[in-house]
Amino acid sequence: MPKSALALLFHEKVVFDNWTGGRIKGKDALRKAWAPWFANHGDFRFVEEETFIDEKEQKVLYRWLLEWPSFSPSL
C-alpha cells in the first residue's frame, strides 16, 4: 500500500496515540502530523499483524509492525 493511502484505513474520528505519548484526534490532524515524517524518513512500510473487531462493544484493534531499513551497515 502506498503511504499516501494509509489514511484510508482510519475513521474520520480516529484517535492515535503515538510512541511519545502524544495523542492526535481526527483523520485530517493525523495526516497533517504525519506528512513531514513520511517525507523525511526514507523507505519504510507498515505491515498488518492483526485486526480484531468486537461488533457488540463497538471496538476495533488494528495492530501493525513498522519495517524501516537501517541506515547503519549490518554487522
C-alpha atoms as a PDB file:
ATOM      1  CA  MET A   1       0.000   0.000   0.000  1.00  0.00           C
ATOM      2  CA  PRO A   2       1.405   3.422  -0.861  1.00  0.00           C
ATOM      3  CA  LYS A   3       1.993   5.640   2.160  1.00  0.00           C
ATOM      4  CA  SER A   4      -0.395   8.202   0.672  1.00  0.00           C
ATOM      5  CA  ALA A   5      -3.204   5.639   1.002  1.00  0.00           C
ATOM      6  CA  LEU A   6      -2.589   4.934   4.687  1.00  0.00           C
ATOM      7  CA  ALA A   7      -5.183   7.477   5.817  1.00  0.00           C
ATOM      8  CA  LEU A   8      -7.851   5.422   4.036  1.00  0.00           C
ATOM      9  CA  LEU A   9      -7.547   2.850   6.826  1.00  0.00           C
ATOM     10  CA  PHE A  10      -8.610   5.334   9.507  1.00  0.00           C
ATOM     11  CA  HIS A  11     -12.040   6.600  10.553  1.00  0.00           C
ATOM     12  CA  GLU A  12     -12.683  10.352  10.348  1.00  0.00           C
ATOM     13  CA  LYS A  13     -12.712  10.471  14.172  1.00  0.00           C
ATOM     14  CA  VAL A  14      -9.570   8.368  14.678  1.00  0.00           C
ATOM     15  CA  VAL A  15      -7.673   8.737  17.954  1.00  0.00           C
ATOM     16  CA  PHE A  16      -3.985   7.915  17.509  1.00  0.00           C
ATOM     17  CA  ASP A  17      -1.650   7.600  20.490  1.00  0.00           C
ATOM     18  CA  ASN A  18       1.934   7.889  19.296  1.00  0.00           C
ATOM     19  CA  TRP A  19       5.164   6.499  20.741  1.00  0.00           C
ATOM     20  CA  THR A  20       5.992   9.755  22.555  1.00  0.00           C
ATOM     21  CA  GLY A  21       2.707   9.720  24.473  1.00  0.00           C
ATOM     22  CA  GLY A  22       1.100  12.372  22.273  1.00  0.00           C
ATOM     23  CA  ARG A  23      -2.466  11.980  21.078  1.00  0.00           C
ATOM     24  CA  ILE A  24      -3.860  13.032  17.711  1.00  0.00           C
ATOM     25  CA  LYS A  25      -7.600  13.234  17.082  1.00  0.00           C
ATOM     26  CA  GLY A  26      -9.169  13.156  13.627  1.00  0.00           C
ATOM     27  CA  LYS A  27      -8.027  11.911  10.224  1.00  0.00           C
ATOM     28  CA  ASP A  28      -7.048  15.362   8.920  1.00  0.00           C
ATOM     29  CA  ALA A  29      -4.956  16.096  12.029  1.00  0.00           C
ATOM     30  CA  LEU A  30      -3.262  12.702  11.707  1.00  0.00           C
ATOM     31  CA  ARG A  31      -2.469  13.264   8.028  1.00  0.00           C
ATOM     32  CA  LYS A  32      -1.035  16.709   8.836  1.00  0.00           C
ATOM     33  CA  ALA A  33       1.062  15.389  11.747  1.00  0.00           C
ATOM     34  CA  TRP A  34       2.458  12.509   9.711  1.00  0.00           C
ATOM     35  CA  ALA A  35       3.230  14.412   6.479  1.00  0.00           C
ATOM     36  CA  PRO A  36       6.731  15.660   7.459  1.00  0.00           C
ATOM     37  CA  TRP A  37       7.679  12.280   8.898  1.00  0.00           C
ATOM     38  CA  PHE A  38       6.634  10.448   5.732  1.00  0.00           C
ATOM     39  CA  ALA A  39       8.524  12.959   3.590  1.00  0.00           C
ATOM     40  CA  ASN A  40      11.793  12.797   5.553  1.00  0.00           C
ATOM     41  CA  HIS A  41      12.306   9.268   6.829  1.00  0.00           C
ATOM     42  CA  GLY A  42      13.175   7.013   3.933  1.00  0.00           C
ATOM     43  CA  ASP A  43      11.791   3.753   2.715  1.00  0.00           C
ATOM     44  CA  PHE A  44       9.579   2.195   5.372  1.00  0.00           C
ATOM     45  CA  ARG A  45       6.329   0.289   5.389  1.00  0.00           C
ATOM     46  CA  PHE A  46       3.573  -0.777   7.735  1.00  0.00           C
ATOM     47  CA  VAL A  47       2.672  -4.465   7.837  1.00  0.00           C
ATOM     48  CA  GLU A  48      -0.683  -5.539   9.244  1.00  0.00           C
ATOM     49  CA  GLU A  49      -0.266  -8.025  12.081  1.00  0.00           C
ATOM     50  CA  GLU A  50      -3.783  -8.313  13.438  1.00  0.00           C
ATOM     51  CA  THR A  51      -7.238  -6.837  13.105  1.00  0.00           C
ATOM     52  CA  PHE A  52      -9.813  -7.539  15.800  1.00  0.00           C
ATOM     53  CA  ILE A  53     -13.384  -6.256  15.618  1.00  0.00           C
ATOM     54  CA  ASP A  54     -15.835  -6.533  18.511  1.00  0.00           C
ATOM     55  CA  GLU A  55     -19.116  -5.506  16.937  1.00  0.00           C
ATOM     56  CA  LYS A  56     -21.093  -5.779  20.181  1.00  0.00           C
ATOM     57  CA  GLU A  57     -18.686  -3.491  22.072  1.00  0.00           C
ATOM     58  CA  GLN A  58     -18.092  -1.267  19.017  1.00  0.00           C
ATOM     59  CA  LYS A  59     -14.309  -1.602  19.338  1.00  0.00           C
ATOM     60  CA  VAL A  60     -11.564  -2.271  16.824  1.00  0.00           C
ATOM     61  CA  LEU A  61      -7.928  -3.163  17.353  1.00  0.00           C
ATOM     62  CA  TYR A  62      -5.580  -2.763  14.411  1.00  0.00           C
ATOM     63  CA  ARG A  63      -2.058  -3.895  15.216  1.00  0.00           C
ATOM     64  CA  TRP A  64       0.776  -3.201  12.802  1.00  0.00           C
ATOM     65  CA  LEU A  65       4.514  -3.526  12.528  1.00  0.00           C
ATOM     66  CA  LEU A  66       6.755  -0.774  11.190  1.00  0.00           C
ATOM     67  CA  GLU A  67       9.505  -2.126   8.938  1.00  0.00           C
ATOM     68  CA  TRP A  68      12.169   0.516   8.496  1.00  0.00           C
ATOM     69  CA  PRO A  69      15.539  -0.211   6.902  1.00  0.00           C
ATOM     70  CA  SER A  70      18.515   0.833   8.990  1.00  0.00           C
ATOM     71  CA  PHE A  71      20.883   3.458   7.637  1.00  0.00           C
ATOM     72  CA  SER A  72      23.704   1.749   9.556  1.00  0.00           C
ATOM     73  CA  PRO A  73      25.573  -1.129   7.933  1.00  0.00           C
ATOM     74  CA  SER A  74      24.795  -4.590   9.319  1.00  0.00           C
ATOM     75  CA  LEU A  75      27.342  -6.320  11.491  1.00  0.00           C
END
